[in-house]
């Protein structure tokens, strides 16, 4: 049942992105920003954690989860360090994921022959 709920939650997030691409003139970059912002806002209010409880990996892998992790880390850092934590918390909280993305992207570029679009 966990697989089904992950599929449904992740699928609904992807459907929302597809609807935005098909019905608006928003660029993919703007949709990316919207998803990260929505994840941060939902995370700040504790709503995204409930979605993760329901959807598991279906909610933790898509892009709003990145915004959620930024918000949670910033809130925790503000509680520990005060106002300075608002600026440093998100960076500390997302450093592992960003580092992994850069590392694996570089690894794939070394293993395969990347080409630019023409």
C-alpha atoms as a PDB file:
ATOM      1  CA  UNK A   1       0.000   0.000   0.000  1.00  0.00           C
ATOM      2  CA  UNK A   2       2.972   2.323   0.578  1.00  0.00           C
ATOM      3  CA  UNK A   3       3.892   2.060  -3.103  1.00  0.00           C
ATOM      4  CA  UNK A   4       0.383   3.004  -4.176  1.00  0.00           C
ATOM      5  CA  UNK A   5       0.232   6.057  -1.932  1.00  0.00           C
ATOM      6  CA  UNK A   6       3.722   7.152  -3.051  1.00  0.00           C
ATOM      7  CA  UNK A   7       2.651   6.744  -6.683  1.00  0.00           C
ATOM      8  CA  UNK A   8      -0.538   8.740  -6.143  1.00  0.00           C
ATOM      9  CA  UNK A   9       1.096  11.623  -4.242  1.00  0.00           C
ATOM     10  CA  UNK A  10       4.082  11.853  -6.585  1.00  0.00           C
ATOM     11  CA  UNK A  11       1.788  11.551  -9.584  1.00  0.00           C
ATOM     12  CA  UNK A  12      -0.448  14.360  -8.355  1.00  0.00           C
ATOM     13  CA  UNK A  13       2.571  16.635  -7.921  1.00  0.00           C
ATOM     14  CA  UNK A  14       3.675  15.819 -11.470  1.00  0.00           C
ATOM     15  CA  UNK A  15       0.141  16.321 -12.800  1.00  0.00           C
ATOM     16  CA  UNK A  16       0.103  19.780 -11.215  1.00  0.00           C
ATOM     17  CA  UNK A  17       3.344  20.630 -13.008  1.00  0.00           C
ATOM     18  CA  UNK A  18       2.050  19.285 -16.308  1.00  0.00           C
ATOM     19  CA  UNK A  19      -1.170  21.281 -15.996  1.00  0.00           C
ATOM     20  CA  UNK A  20       0.857  24.431 -15.329  1.00  0.00           C
ATOM     21  CA  UNK A  21       2.974  23.769 -18.421  1.00  0.00           C
ATOM     22  CA  UNK A  22      -0.014  23.021 -20.661  1.00  0.00           C
ATOM     23  CA  UNK A  23      -2.423  25.739 -19.573  1.00  0.00           C
ATOM     24  CA  UNK A  24      -0.137  28.677 -18.827  1.00  0.00           C
ATOM     25  CA  UNK A  25       2.754  30.389 -20.519  1.00  0.00           C
ATOM     26  CA  UNK A  26       4.997  29.775 -17.516  1.00  0.00           C
ATOM     27  CA  UNK A  27       8.483  28.563 -18.353  1.00  0.00           C
ATOM     28  CA  UNK A  28       9.817  25.405 -16.700  1.00  0.00           C
ATOM     29  CA  UNK A  29      12.169  27.569 -14.626  1.00  0.00           C
ATOM     30  CA  UNK A  30       9.258  29.554 -13.211  1.00  0.00           C
ATOM     31  CA  UNK A  31       7.347  26.378 -12.453  1.00  0.00           C
ATOM     32  CA  UNK A  32      10.448  25.108 -10.633  1.00  0.00           C
ATOM     33  CA  UNK A  33      10.486  28.267  -8.511  1.00  0.00           C
ATOM     34  CA  UNK A  34       6.760  27.918  -7.800  1.00  0.00           C
ATOM     35  CA  UNK A  35       7.199  24.304  -6.671  1.00  0.00           C
ATOM     36  CA  UNK A  36      10.130  25.123  -4.381  1.00  0.00           C
ATOM     37  CA  UNK A  37       8.263  28.106  -2.924  1.00  0.00           C
ATOM     38  CA  UNK A  38       5.086  26.099  -2.360  1.00  0.00           C
ATOM     39  CA  UNK A  39       7.152  23.380  -0.660  1.00  0.00           C
ATOM     40  CA  UNK A  40       8.804  25.970   1.584  1.00  0.00           C
ATOM     41  CA  UNK A  41       5.499  27.578   2.547  1.00  0.00           C
ATOM     42  CA  UNK A  42       3.805  24.230   3.206  1.00  0.00           C
ATOM     43  CA  UNK A  43       6.871  23.123   5.177  1.00  0.00           C
ATOM     44  CA  UNK A  44       6.870  26.295   7.263  1.00  0.00           C
ATOM     45  CA  UNK A  45       3.287  25.595   8.335  1.00  0.00           C
ATOM     46  CA  UNK A  46       3.940  21.881   8.924  1.00  0.00           C
ATOM     47  CA  UNK A  47       1.580  20.776   6.162  1.00  0.00           C
ATOM     48  CA  UNK A  48       4.221  19.197   3.946  1.00  0.00           C
ATOM     49  CA  UNK A  49       5.265  16.805   6.728  1.00  0.00           C
ATOM     50  CA  UNK A  50       1.728  15.398   6.752  1.00  0.00           C
ATOM     51  CA  UNK A  51       1.952  14.925   2.984  1.00  0.00           C
ATOM     52  CA  UNK A  52       5.242  13.051   3.487  1.00  0.00           C
ATOM     53  CA  UNK A  53       3.555  10.824   6.084  1.00  0.00           C
ATOM     54  CA  UNK A  54       0.902   9.922   3.517  1.00  0.00           C
ATOM     55  CA  UNK A  55       2.990   9.738   0.344  1.00  0.00           C
ATOM     56  CA  UNK A  56       6.452   8.747   1.565  1.00  0.00           C
ATOM     57  CA  UNK A  57       8.914   8.856  -1.332  1.00  0.00           C
ATOM     58  CA  UNK A  58       6.185  10.248  -3.571  1.00  0.00           C
ATOM     59  CA  UNK A  59       6.429  13.453  -1.554  1.00  0.00           C
ATOM     60  CA  UNK A  60      10.117  13.471  -0.586  1.00  0.00           C
ATOM     61  CA  UNK A  61      11.599  13.059  -4.056  1.00  0.00           C
ATOM     62  CA  UNK A  62       9.804  15.767  -6.115  1.00  0.00           C
ATOM     63  CA  UNK A  63      10.900  19.379  -6.089  1.00  0.00           C
ATOM     64  CA  UNK A  64       8.602  20.769  -3.359  1.00  0.00           C
ATOM     65  CA  UNK A  65      10.522  18.597  -0.899  1.00  0.00           C
ATOM     66  CA  UNK A  66      13.602  20.736  -1.547  1.00  0.00           C
ATOM     67  CA  UNK A  67      11.671  23.831  -0.494  1.00  0.00           C
ATOM     68  CA  UNK A  68      10.392  21.953   2.536  1.00  0.00           C
ATOM     69  CA  UNK A  69      13.907  21.010   3.624  1.00  0.00           C
ATOM     70  CA  UNK A  70      15.056  24.618   3.154  1.00  0.00           C
ATOM     71  CA  UNK A  71      12.212  25.915   5.317  1.00  0.00           C
ATOM     72  CA  UNK A  72      12.696  23.333   8.058  1.00  0.00           C
ATOM     73  CA  UNK A  73      16.442  23.969   8.226  1.00  0.00           C
ATOM     74  CA  UNK A  74      15.971  27.742   8.301  1.00  0.00           C
ATOM     75  CA  UNK A  75      13.357  27.530  11.073  1.00  0.00           C
ATOM     76  CA  UNK A  76      15.599  25.270  13.142  1.00  0.00           C
ATOM     77  CA  UNK A  77      18.605  27.544  12.623  1.00  0.00           C
ATOM     78  CA  UNK A  78      16.605  30.617  13.662  1.00  0.00           C
ATOM     79  CA  UNK A  79      15.623  28.848  16.868  1.00  0.00           C
ATOM     80  CA  UNK A  80      19.266  27.993  17.574  1.00  0.00           C
ATOM     81  CA  UNK A  81      21.187  30.997  16.216  1.00  0.00           C
ATOM     82  CA  UNK A  82      18.653  33.800  16.054  1.00  0.00           C
ATOM     83  CA  UNK A  83      18.264  36.040  13.015  1.00  0.00           C
ATOM     84  CA  UNK A  84      21.557  34.893  11.498  1.00  0.00           C
ATOM     85  CA  UNK A  85      20.063  31.399  11.206  1.00  0.00           C
ATOM     86  CA  UNK A  86      17.510  32.712   8.701  1.00  0.00           C
ATOM     87  CA  UNK A  87      20.389  33.241   6.273  1.00  0.00           C
ATOM     88  CA  UNK A  88      22.526  30.191   7.062  1.00  0.00           C
ATOM     89  CA  UNK A  89      19.973  27.510   7.958  1.00  0.00           C
ATOM     90  CA  UNK A  90      18.721  26.750   4.478  1.00  0.00           C
ATOM     91  CA  UNK A  91      22.220  26.434   3.116  1.00  0.00           C
ATOM     92  CA  UNK A  92      23.271  24.041   5.875  1.00  0.00           C
ATOM     93  CA  UNK A  93      20.086  21.990   5.554  1.00  0.00           C
ATOM     94  CA  UNK A  94      20.295  21.520   1.794  1.00  0.00           C
ATOM     95  CA  UNK A  95      24.070  21.154   1.475  1.00  0.00           C
ATOM     96  CA  UNK A  96      24.026  17.349   1.395  1.00  0.00           C
ATOM     97  CA  UNK A  97      21.422  17.119  -1.358  1.00  0.00           C
ATOM     98  CA  UNK A  98      23.049  19.806  -3.464  1.00  0.00           C
ATOM     99  CA  UNK A  99      26.464  18.188  -3.072  1.00  0.00           C
ATOM    100  CA  UNK A 100      25.075  14.799  -4.096  1.00  0.00           C
ATOM    101  CA  UNK A 101      23.376  16.300  -7.162  1.00  0.00           C
ATOM    102  CA  UNK A 102      26.584  18.007  -8.280  1.00  0.00           C
ATOM    103  CA  UNK A 103      28.693  14.897  -7.638  1.00  0.00           C
ATOM    104  CA  UNK A 104      26.402  12.482  -9.455  1.00  0.00           C
ATOM    105  CA  UNK A 105      25.853  14.944 -12.312  1.00  0.00           C
ATOM    106  CA  UNK A 106      29.618  15.225 -12.744  1.00  0.00           C
ATOM    107  CA  UNK A 107      30.004  11.455 -12.529  1.00  0.00           C
ATOM    108  CA  UNK A 108      27.384  10.906 -15.253  1.00  0.00           C
ATOM    109  CA  UNK A 109      29.056  13.557 -17.430  1.00  0.00           C
ATOM    110  CA  UNK A 110      32.342  11.678 -17.074  1.00  0.00           C
ATOM    111  CA  UNK A 111      30.814   8.270 -17.831  1.00  0.00           C
ATOM    112  CA  UNK A 112      28.671   9.345 -20.767  1.00  0.00           C
ATOM    113  CA  UNK A 113      29.061  11.789 -23.624  1.00  0.00           C
ATOM    114  CA  UNK A 114      26.863  14.806 -22.855  1.00  0.00           C
ATOM    115  CA  UNK A 115      25.683  16.843 -25.820  1.00  0.00           C
ATOM    116  CA  UNK A 116      24.123  20.256 -25.992  1.00  0.00           C
ATOM    117  CA  UNK A 117      20.827  20.872 -27.778  1.00  0.00           C
ATOM    118  CA  UNK A 118      21.110  22.470 -31.175  1.00  0.00           C
END
